Amino acid sequence: MAAPPVDHYEVLGVATTAGDDEIRRRYRFLALAFHPDRYSRNPEHHQLAEQQIKRINEAYRVLSDPAARAQFDTARQLLDSTAAARARSNLSVYASS
């Protein structure tokens, strides 16, 4: 089974309507909070911070680029509508049983 898609808005903790300034501020805050150098004394925490900073950097890369963000938003909407259709289909199967 494939891993669930990453919601870049969720990673940065911003709304889908967030503007460029809000996205930039949140990215900077998270990048400082999860920078691996802050956790250099604890190898386990350092590794977790490295994983998290990769997610944060990728989310910022996508959401700070207007074309990439538009493409992500389109894919996200398609995924949401597909999930909603599946849920309705599953409900109708259980309702007829």
PDB file of N, CA and C in Angstrom:
ATOM      1  N   MET A   1       0.841  -1.171   0.000  1.00  0.00           N
ATOM      2  CA  MET A   1       0.000   0.000   0.000  1.00  0.00           C
ATOM      3  C   MET A   1       0.893   1.243   0.000  1.00  0.00           C
ATOM      4  N   ALA A   2       0.546   2.224  -0.802  1.00  0.00           N
ATOM      5  CA  ALA A   2       1.341   3.447  -0.916  1.00  0.00           C
ATOM      6  C   ALA A   2       1.147   4.328   0.310  1.00  0.00           C
ATOM      7  N   ALA A   3       2.181   5.086   0.600  1.00  0.00           N
ATOM      8  CA  ALA A   3       2.100   6.025   1.722  1.00  0.00           C
ATOM      9  C   ALA A   3       1.100   7.129   1.374  1.00  0.00           C
ATOM     10  N   PRO A   4       0.386   7.628   2.365  1.00  0.00           N
ATOM     11  CA  PRO A   4      -0.564   8.706   2.077  1.00  0.00           C
ATOM     12  C   PRO A   4       0.185   9.942   1.596  1.00  0.00           C
ATOM     13  N   PRO A   5      -0.438  10.708   0.706  1.00  0.00           N
ATOM     14  CA  PRO A   5       0.236  11.905   0.208  1.00  0.00           C
ATOM     15  C   PRO A   5       0.465  12.912   1.336  1.00  0.00           C
ATOM     16  N   VAL A   6       1.517  13.670   1.202  1.00  0.00           N
ATOM     17  CA  VAL A   6       1.868  14.671   2.211  1.00  0.00           C
ATOM     18  C   VAL A   6       1.041  15.931   1.957  1.00  0.00           C
ATOM     19  N   ASP A   7       0.446  16.468   3.014  1.00  0.00           N
ATOM     20  CA  ASP A   7      -0.268  17.738   2.917  1.00  0.00           C
ATOM     21  C   ASP A   7       0.700  18.835   3.360  1.00  0.00           C
ATOM     22  N   HIS A   8       1.216  19.565   2.394  1.00  0.00           N
ATOM     23  CA  HIS A   8       2.226  20.580   2.690  1.00  0.00           C
ATOM     24  C   HIS A   8       1.686  21.687   3.599  1.00  0.00           C
ATOM     25  N   TYR A   9       0.409  21.969   3.489  1.00  0.00           N
ATOM     26  CA  TYR A   9      -0.187  22.970   4.383  1.00  0.00           C
ATOM     27  C   TYR A   9      -0.139  22.479   5.830  1.00  0.00           C
ATOM     28  N   GLU A  10      -0.421  21.206   6.008  1.00  0.00           N
ATOM     29  CA  GLU A  10      -0.390  20.618   7.348  1.00  0.00           C
ATOM     30  C   GLU A  10       1.035  20.601   7.905  1.00  0.00           C
ATOM     31  N   VAL A  11       2.000  20.279   7.058  1.00  0.00           N
ATOM     32  CA  VAL A  11       3.403  20.241   7.503  1.00  0.00           C
ATOM     33  C   VAL A  11       3.822  21.602   8.062  1.00  0.00           C
ATOM     34  N   LEU A  12       3.454  22.673   7.360  1.00  0.00           N
ATOM     35  CA  LEU A  12       3.828  24.009   7.821  1.00  0.00           C
ATOM     36  C   LEU A  12       2.847  24.572   8.844  1.00  0.00           C
ATOM     37  N   GLY A  13       1.685  23.940   8.961  1.00  0.00           N
ATOM     38  CA  GLY A  13       0.697  24.423   9.925  1.00  0.00           C
ATOM     39  C   GLY A  13       0.041  25.721   9.499  1.00  0.00           C
ATOM     40  N   VAL A  14      -0.232  25.842   8.200  1.00  0.00           N
ATOM     41  CA  VAL A  14      -0.889  27.044   7.683  1.00  0.00           C
ATOM     42  C   VAL A  14      -2.169  26.653   6.963  1.00  0.00           C
ATOM     43  N   ALA A  15      -3.063  27.620   6.829  1.00  0.00           N
ATOM     44  CA  ALA A  15      -4.315  27.402   6.105  1.00  0.00           C
ATOM     45  C   ALA A  15      -4.042  27.382   4.606  1.00  0.00           C
ATOM     46  N   THR A  16      -4.957  26.791   3.859  1.00  0.00           N
ATOM     47  CA  THR A  16      -4.806  26.755   2.402  1.00  0.00           C
ATOM     48  C   THR A  16      -4.888  28.153   1.802  1.00  0.00           C
ATOM     49  N   THR A  17      -5.419  29.097   2.552  1.00  0.00           N
ATOM     50  CA  THR A  17      -5.531  30.479   2.080  1.00  0.00           C
ATOM     51  C   THR A  17      -4.346  31.344   2.511  1.00  0.00           C
ATOM     52  N   ALA A  18      -3.347  30.744   3.137  1.00  0.00           N
ATOM     53  CA  ALA A  18      -2.194  31.497   3.646  1.00  0.00           C
ATOM     54  C   ALA A  18      -1.467  32.208   2.516  1.00  0.00           C
ATOM     55  N   GLY A  19      -1.055  33.423   2.802  1.00  0.00           N
ATOM     56  CA  GLY A  19      -0.297  34.202   1.834  1.00  0.00           C
ATOM     57  C   GLY A  19       1.189  33.890   1.913  1.00  0.00           C
ATOM     58  N   ASP A  20       1.932  34.467   0.987  1.00  0.00           N
ATOM     59  CA  ASP A  20       3.374  34.223   0.922  1.00  0.00           C
ATOM     60  C   ASP A  20       4.095  34.609   2.211  1.00  0.00           C
ATOM     61  N   ASP A  21       3.723  35.745   2.797  1.00  0.00           N
ATOM     62  CA  ASP A  21       4.391  36.190   4.029  1.00  0.00           C
ATOM     63  C   ASP A  21       4.153  35.221   5.177  1.00  0.00           C
ATOM     64  N   GLU A  22       2.916  34.750   5.316  1.00  0.00           N
ATOM     65  CA  GLU A  22       2.606  33.810   6.396  1.00  0.00           C
ATOM     66  C   GLU A  22       3.358  32.494   6.203  1.00  0.00           C
ATOM     67  N   ILE A  23       3.401  32.014   4.969  1.00  0.00           N
ATOM     68  CA  ILE A  23       4.119  30.773   4.670  1.00  0.00           C
ATOM     69  C   ILE A  23       5.605  30.946   4.979  1.00  0.00           C
ATOM     70  N   ARG A  24       6.183  32.066   4.596  1.00  0.00           N
ATOM     71  CA  ARG A  24       7.603  32.329   4.851  1.00  0.00           C
ATOM     72  C   ARG A  24       7.892  32.409   6.356  1.00  0.00           C
ATOM     73  N   ARG A  25       7.042  33.131   7.094  1.00  0.00           N
ATOM     74  CA  ARG A  25       7.241  33.248   8.551  1.00  0.00           C
ATOM     75  C   ARG A  25       7.161  31.885   9.230  1.00  0.00           C
ATOM     76  N   ARG A  26       6.176  31.104   8.844  1.00  0.00           N
ATOM     77  CA  ARG A  26       5.999  29.793   9.468  1.00  0.00           C
ATOM     78  C   ARG A  26       7.168  28.874   9.122  1.00  0.00           C
ATOM     79  N   TYR A  27       7.632  28.939   7.876  1.00  0.00           N
ATOM     80  CA  TYR A  27       8.785  28.137   7.462  1.00  0.00           C
ATOM     81  C   TYR A  27      10.010  28.493   8.304  1.00  0.00           C
ATOM     82  N   ARG A  28      10.277  29.769   8.447  1.00  0.00           N
ATOM     83  CA  ARG A  28      11.455  30.195   9.216  1.00  0.00           C
ATOM     84  C   ARG A  28      11.364  29.735  10.665  1.00  0.00           C
ATOM     85  N   PHE A  29      10.173  29.853  11.249  1.00  0.00           N
ATOM     86  CA  PHE A  29       9.975  29.409  12.628  1.00  0.00           C
ATOM     87  C   PHE A  29      10.265  27.915  12.762  1.00  0.00           C
ATOM     88  N   LEU A  30       9.681  27.113  11.866  1.00  0.00           N
ATOM     89  CA  LEU A  30       9.860  25.660  11.937  1.00  0.00           C
ATOM     90  C   LEU A  30      11.287  25.248  11.598  1.00  0.00           C
ATOM     91  N   ALA A  31      11.901  25.934  10.638  1.00  0.00           N
ATOM     92  CA  ALA A  31      13.281  25.605  10.264  1.00  0.00           C
ATOM     93  C   ALA A  31      14.231  25.827  11.437  1.00  0.00           C
ATOM     94  N   LEU A  32      13.991  26.871  12.202  1.00  0.00           N
ATOM     95  CA  LEU A  32      14.819  27.101  13.391  1.00  0.00           C
ATOM     96  C   LEU A  32      14.516  26.071  14.475  1.00  0.00           C
ATOM     97  N   ALA A  33      13.249  25.779  14.669  1.00  0.00           N
ATOM     98  CA  ALA A  33      12.854  24.847  15.732  1.00  0.00           C
ATOM     99  C   ALA A  33      13.347  23.431  15.472  1.00  0.00           C
ATOM    100  N   PHE A  34      13.372  23.017  14.206  1.00  0.00           N
ATOM    101  CA  PHE A  34      13.725  21.636  13.879  1.00  0.00           C
ATOM    102  C   PHE A  34      15.088  21.495  13.213  1.00  0.00           C
ATOM    103  N   HIS A  35      15.894  22.547  13.248  1.00  0.00           N
ATOM    104  CA  HIS A  35      17.212  22.442  12.614  1.00  0.00           C
ATOM    105  C   HIS A  35      18.013  21.344  13.320  1.00  0.00           C
ATOM    106  N   PRO A  36      18.544  20.392  12.561  1.00  0.00           N
ATOM    107  CA  PRO A  36      19.264  19.259  13.165  1.00  0.00           C
ATOM    108  C   PRO A  36      20.423  19.660  14.075  1.00  0.00           C
ATOM    109  N   ASP A  37      21.065  20.786  13.820  1.00  0.00           N
ATOM    110  CA  ASP A  37      22.184  21.214  14.669  1.00  0.00           C
ATOM    111  C   ASP A  37      21.752  21.459  16.116  1.00  0.00           C
ATOM    112  N   ARG A  38      20.491  21.764  16.311  1.00  0.00           N
ATOM    113  CA  ARG A  38      19.991  21.985  17.676  1.00  0.00           C
ATOM    114  C   ARG A  38      19.952  20.685  18.478  1.00  0.00           C
ATOM    115  N   TYR A  39      19.991  19.568  17.767  1.00  0.00           N
ATOM    116  CA  TYR A  39      19.850  18.262  18.414  1.00  0.00           C
ATOM    117  C   TYR A  39      21.101  17.404  18.247  1.00  0.00           C
ATOM    118  N   SER A  40      22.244  18.038  18.069  1.00  0.00           N
ATOM    119  CA  SER A  40      23.479  17.298  17.775  1.00  0.00           C
ATOM    120  C   SER A  40      23.942  16.415  18.933  1.00  0.00           C
ATOM    121  N   ARG A  41      23.511  16.695  20.142  1.00  0.00           N
ATOM    122  CA  ARG A  41      23.952  15.899  21.296  1.00  0.00           C
ATOM    123  C   ARG A  41      23.157  14.614  21.474  1.00  0.00           C
ATOM    124  N   ASN A  42      22.034  14.518  20.814  1.00  0.00           N
ATOM    125  CA  ASN A  42      21.192  13.334  20.943  1.00  0.00           C
ATOM    126  C   ASN A  42      20.977  12.740  19.549  1.00  0.00           C
ATOM    127  N   PRO A  43      21.652  11.639  19.209  1.00  0.00           N
ATOM    128  CA  PRO A  43      21.575  11.077  17.860  1.00  0.00           C
ATOM    129  C   PRO A  43      20.146  10.748  17.408  1.00  0.00           C
ATOM    130  N   GLU A  44      19.334  10.245  18.318  1.00  0.00           N
ATOM    131  CA  GLU A  44      17.960   9.892  17.947  1.00  0.00           C
ATOM    132  C   GLU A  44      17.156  11.147  17.596  1.00  0.00           C
ATOM    133  N   HIS A  45      17.266  12.172  18.416  1.00  0.00           N
ATOM    134  CA  HIS A  45      16.557  13.422  18.137  1.00  0.00           C
ATOM    135  C   HIS A  45      17.117  14.103  16.893  1.00  0.00           C
ATOM    136  N   HIS A  46      18.426  13.998  16.703  1.00  0.00           N
ATOM    137  CA  HIS A  46      19.063  14.572  15.521  1.00  0.00           C
ATOM    138  C   HIS A  46      18.481  13.939  14.253  1.00  0.00           C
ATOM    139  N   GLN A  47      18.341  12.625  14.259  1.00  0.00           N
ATOM    140  CA  GLN A  47      17.795  11.920  13.101  1.00  0.00           C
ATOM    141  C   GLN A  47      16.337  12.325  12.849  1.00  0.00           C
ATOM    142  N   LEU A  48      15.546  12.433  13.904  1.00  0.00           N
ATOM    143  CA  LEU A  48      14.153  12.856  13.756  1.00  0.00           C
ATOM    144  C   LEU A  48      14.072  14.284  13.213  1.00  0.00           C
ATOM    145  N   ALA A  49      14.951  15.151  13.695  1.00  0.00           N
ATOM    146  CA  ALA A  49      14.977  16.533  13.212  1.00  0.00           C
ATOM    147  C   ALA A  49      15.360  16.585  11.737  1.00  0.00           C
ATOM    148  N   GLU A  50      16.291  15.740  11.314  1.00  0.00           N
ATOM    149  CA  GLU A  50      16.669  15.690   9.897  1.00  0.00           C
ATOM    150  C   GLU A  50      15.483  15.286   9.029  1.00  0.00           C
ATOM    151  N   GLN A  51      14.731  14.302   9.480  1.00  0.00           N
ATOM    152  CA  GLN A  51      13.547  13.868   8.732  1.00  0.00           C
ATOM    153  C   GLN A  51      12.513  14.991   8.664  1.00  0.00           C
ATOM    154  N   GLN A  52      12.298  15.642   9.791  1.00  0.00           N
ATOM    155  CA  GLN A  52      11.299  16.706   9.843  1.00  0.00           C
ATOM    156  C   GLN A  52      11.713  17.906   9.000  1.00  0.00           C
ATOM    157  N   ILE A  53      12.985  18.278   9.040  1.00  0.00           N
ATOM    158  CA  ILE A  53      13.420  19.449   8.276  1.00  0.00           C
ATOM    159  C   ILE A  53      13.303  19.177   6.776  1.00  0.00           C
ATOM    160  N   LYS A  54      13.472  17.928   6.362  1.00  0.00           N
ATOM    161  CA  LYS A  54      13.277  17.584   4.945  1.00  0.00           C
ATOM    162  C   LYS A  54      11.827  17.807   4.544  1.00  0.00           C
ATOM    163  N   ARG A  55      10.902  17.405   5.409  1.00  0.00           N
ATOM    164  CA  ARG A  55       9.473  17.613   5.133  1.00  0.00           C
ATOM    165  C   ARG A  55       9.146  19.110   5.094  1.00  0.00           C
ATOM    166  N   ILE A  56       9.711  19.858   6.026  1.00  0.00           N
ATOM    167  CA  ILE A  56       9.474  21.298   6.097  1.00  0.00           C
ATOM    168  C   ILE A  56      10.031  21.989   4.854  1.00  0.00           C
ATOM    169  N   ASN A  57      11.250  21.631   4.452  1.00  0.00           N
ATOM    170  CA  ASN A  57      11.866  22.231   3.261  1.00  0.00           C
ATOM    171  C   ASN A  57      11.062  21.926   2.004  1.00  0.00           C
ATOM    172  N   GLU A  58      10.597  20.690   1.875  1.00  0.00           N
ATOM    173  CA  GLU A  58       9.807  20.312   0.698  1.00  0.00           C
ATOM    174  C   GLU A  58       8.479  21.065   0.677  1.00  0.00           C
ATOM    175  N   ALA A  59       7.829  21.163   1.825  1.00  0.00           N
ATOM    176  CA  ALA A  59       6.562  21.895   1.898  1.00  0.00           C
ATOM    177  C   ALA A  59       6.770  23.355   1.500  1.00  0.00           C
ATOM    178  N   TYR A  60       7.828  23.954   1.991  1.00  0.00           N
ATOM    179  CA  TYR A  60       8.106  25.350   1.650  1.00  0.00           C
ATOM    180  C   TYR A  60       8.451  25.492   0.169  1.00  0.00           C
ATOM    181  N   ARG A  61       9.220  24.556  -0.352  1.00  0.00           N
ATOM    182  CA  ARG A  61       9.578  24.610  -1.779  1.00  0.00           C
ATOM    183  C   ARG A  61       8.321  24.625  -2.639  1.00  0.00           C
ATOM    184  N   VAL A  62       7.359  23.773  -2.315  1.00  0.00           N
ATOM    185  CA  VAL A  62       6.129  23.681  -3.104  1.00  0.00           C
ATOM    186  C   VAL A  62       5.246  24.912  -2.891  1.00  0.00           C
ATOM    187  N   LEU A  63       5.012  25.280  -1.639  1.00  0.00           N
ATOM    188  CA  LEU A  63       4.055  26.351  -1.355  1.00  0.00           C
ATOM    189  C   LEU A  63       4.589  27.747  -1.659  1.00  0.00           C
ATOM    190  N   SER A  64       5.899  27.909  -1.770  1.00  0.00           N
ATOM    191  CA  SER A  64       6.460  29.226  -2.075  1.00  0.00           C
ATOM    192  C   SER A  64       6.607  29.463  -3.575  1.00  0.00           C
ATOM    193  N   ASP A  65       6.404  28.440  -4.374  1.00  0.00           N
ATOM    194  CA  ASP A  65       6.479  28.545  -5.834  1.00  0.00           C
ATOM    195  C   ASP A  65       5.045  28.559  -6.372  1.00  0.00           C
ATOM    196  N   PRO A  66       4.590  29.669  -6.963  1.00  0.00           N
ATOM    197  CA  PRO A  66       3.191  29.759  -7.398  1.00  0.00           C
ATOM    198  C   PRO A  66       2.750  28.628  -8.334  1.00  0.00           C
ATOM    199  N   ALA A  67       3.594  28.236  -9.271  1.00  0.00           N
ATOM    200  CA  ALA A  67       3.217  27.165 -10.198  1.00  0.00           C
ATOM    201  C   ALA A  67       3.136  25.820  -9.479  1.00  0.00           C
ATOM    202  N   ALA A  68       4.112  25.534  -8.630  1.00  0.00           N
ATOM    203  CA  ALA A  68       4.107  24.267  -7.886  1.00  0.00           C
ATOM    204  C   ALA A  68       2.934  24.224  -6.914  1.00  0.00           C
ATOM    205  N   ARG A  69       2.627  25.361  -6.303  1.00  0.00           N
ATOM    206  CA  ARG A  69       1.500  25.414  -5.362  1.00  0.00           C
ATOM    207  C   ARG A  69       0.181  25.176  -6.089  1.00  0.00           C
ATOM    208  N   ALA A  70       0.010  25.784  -7.248  1.00  0.00           N
ATOM    209  CA  ALA A  70      -1.214  25.584  -8.026  1.00  0.00           C
ATOM    210  C   ALA A  70      -1.367  24.119  -8.418  1.00  0.00           C
ATOM    211  N   GLN A  71      -0.281  23.501  -8.834  1.00  0.00           N
ATOM    212  CA  GLN A  71      -0.310  22.086  -9.198  1.00  0.00           C
ATOM    213  C   GLN A  71      -0.647  21.228  -7.973  1.00  0.00           C
ATOM    214  N   PHE A  72      -0.052  21.540  -6.832  1.00  0.00           N
ATOM    215  CA  PHE A  72      -0.332  20.803  -5.598  1.00  0.00           C
ATOM    216  C   PHE A  72      -1.797  20.969  -5.201  1.00  0.00           C
ATOM    217  N   ASP A  73      -2.314  22.200  -5.279  1.00  0.00           N
ATOM    218  CA  ASP A  73      -3.708  22.454  -4.914  1.00  0.00           C
ATOM    219  C   ASP A  73      -4.666  21.672  -5.806  1.00  0.00           C
ATOM    220  N   THR A  74      -4.366  21.609  -7.098  1.00  0.00           N
ATOM    221  CA  THR A  74      -5.208  20.857  -8.028  1.00  0.00           C
ATOM    222  C   THR A  74      -5.200  19.376  -7.678  1.00  0.00           C
ATOM    223  N   ALA A  75      -4.033  18.816  -7.435  1.00  0.00           N
ATOM    224  CA  ALA A  75      -3.927  17.397  -7.074  1.00  0.00           C
ATOM    225  C   ALA A  75      -4.629  17.128  -5.749  1.00  0.00           C
ATOM    226  N   ARG A  76      -4.505  18.042  -4.821  1.00  0.00           N
ATOM    227  CA  ARG A  76      -5.137  17.894  -3.498  1.00  0.00           C
ATOM    228  C   ARG A  76      -6.661  17.887  -3.624  1.00  0.00           C
ATOM    229  N   GLN A  77      -7.198  18.790  -4.448  1.00  0.00           N
ATOM    230  CA  GLN A  77      -8.646  18.845  -4.664  1.00  0.00           C
ATOM    231  C   GLN A  77      -9.140  17.572  -5.331  1.00  0.00           C
ATOM    232  N   LEU A  78      -8.386  17.074  -6.294  1.00  0.00           N
ATOM    233  CA  LEU A  78      -8.759  15.839  -6.975  1.00  0.00           C
ATOM    234  C   LEU A  78      -8.766  14.673  -5.999  1.00  0.00           C
ATOM    235  N   LEU A  79      -7.758  14.603  -5.165  1.00  0.00           N
ATOM    236  CA  LEU A  79      -7.680  13.541  -4.164  1.00  0.00           C
ATOM    237  C   LEU A  79      -8.844  13.636  -3.178  1.00  0.00           C
ATOM    238  N   ASP A  80      -9.168  14.852  -2.742  1.00  0.00           N
ATOM    239  CA  ASP A  80     -10.286  15.054  -1.815  1.00  0.00           C
ATOM    240  C   ASP A  80     -11.607  14.624  -2.445  1.00  0.00           C
ATOM    241  N   SER A  81     -11.821  14.968  -3.709  1.00  0.00           N
ATOM    242  CA  SER A  81     -13.083  14.601  -4.356  1.00  0.00           C
ATOM    243  C   SER A  81     -13.156  13.099  -4.600  1.00  0.00           C
ATOM    244  N   THR A  82     -12.030  12.469  -4.893  1.00  0.00           N
ATOM    245  CA  THR A  82     -11.997  11.015  -5.070  1.00  0.00           C
ATOM    246  C   THR A  82     -12.289  10.313  -3.751  1.00  0.00           C
ATOM    247  N   ALA A  83     -11.715  10.795  -2.671  1.00  0.00           N
ATOM    248  CA  ALA A  83     -11.958  10.202  -1.351  1.00  0.00           C
ATOM    249  C   ALA A  83     -13.419  10.360  -0.955  1.00  0.00           C
ATOM    250  N   ALA A  84     -14.003  11.500  -1.256  1.00  0.00           N
ATOM    251  CA  ALA A  84     -15.413  11.727  -0.930  1.00  0.00           C
ATOM    252  C   ALA A  84     -16.303  10.784  -1.734  1.00  0.00           C
ATOM    253  N   ALA A  85     -15.968  10.569  -3.002  1.00  0.00           N
ATOM    254  CA  ALA A  85     -16.754   9.653  -3.835  1.00  0.00           C
ATOM    255  C   ALA A  85     -16.650   8.224  -3.311  1.00  0.00           C
ATOM    256  N   ARG A  86     -15.468   7.823  -2.886  1.00  0.00           N
ATOM    257  CA  ARG A  86     -15.299   6.478  -2.314  1.00  0.00           C
ATOM    258  C   ARG A  86     -16.113   6.317  -1.035  1.00  0.00           C
ATOM    259  N   ALA A  87     -16.105   7.338  -0.204  1.00  0.00           N
ATOM    260  CA  ALA A  87     -16.855   7.282   1.052  1.00  0.00           C
ATOM    261  C   ALA A  87     -18.345   7.142   0.770  1.00  0.00           C
ATOM    262  N   ARG A  88     -18.853   7.890  -0.207  1.00  0.00           N
ATOM    263  CA  ARG A  88     -20.278   7.776  -0.571  1.00  0.00           C
ATOM    264  C   ARG A  88     -20.575   6.386  -1.104  1.00  0.00           C
ATOM    265  N   SER A  89     -19.662   5.845  -1.902  1.00  0.00           N
ATOM    266  CA  SER A  89     -19.847   4.511  -2.462  1.00  0.00           C
ATOM    267  C   SER A  89     -19.874   3.466  -1.357  1.00  0.00           C
ATOM    268  N   ASN A  90     -18.965   3.577  -0.400  1.00  0.00           N
ATOM    269  CA  ASN A  90     -18.930   2.632   0.719  1.00  0.00           C
ATOM    270  C   ASN A  90     -20.190   2.729   1.559  1.00  0.00           C
ATOM    271  N   LEU A  91     -20.697   3.930   1.756  1.00  0.00           N
ATOM    272  CA  LEU A  91     -21.923   4.100   2.535  1.00  0.00           C
ATOM    273  C   LEU A  91     -23.101   3.437   1.840  1.00  0.00           C
ATOM    274  N   SER A  92     -23.170   3.568   0.514  1.00  0.00           N
ATOM    275  CA  SER A  92     -24.299   2.970  -0.201  1.00  0.00           C
ATOM    276  C   SER A  92     -24.218   1.449  -0.182  1.00  0.00           C
ATOM    277  N   VAL A  93     -23.012   0.888  -0.178  1.00  0.00           N
ATOM    278  CA  VAL A  93     -22.851  -0.567  -0.100  1.00  0.00           C
ATOM    279  C   VAL A  93     -23.340  -1.068   1.248  1.00  0.00           C
ATOM    280  N   TYR A  94     -22.951  -0.380   2.328  1.00  0.00           N
ATOM    281  CA  TYR A  94     -23.367  -0.799   3.664  1.00  0.00           C
ATOM    282  C   TYR A  94     -24.853  -0.560   3.889  1.00  0.00           C
ATOM    283  N   ALA A  95     -25.396   0.477   3.290  1.00  0.00           N
ATOM    284  CA  ALA A  95     -26.813   0.782   3.471  1.00  0.00           C
ATOM    285  C   ALA A  95     -27.698  -0.257   2.797  1.00  0.00           C
ATOM    286  N   SER A  96     -27.215  -0.846   1.699  1.00  0.00           N
ATOM    287  CA  SER A  96     -28.027  -1.833   0.980  1.00  0.00           C
ATOM    288  C   SER A  96     -27.859  -3.236   1.535  1.00  0.00           C
ATOM    289  N   SER A  97     -26.942  -3.437   2.462  1.00  0.00           N
ATOM    290  CA  SER A  97     -26.706  -4.769   3.034  1.00  0.00           C
ATOM    291  C   SER A  97     -27.737  -5.125   4.056  1.00  0.00           C
TER     292      SER A  97
END
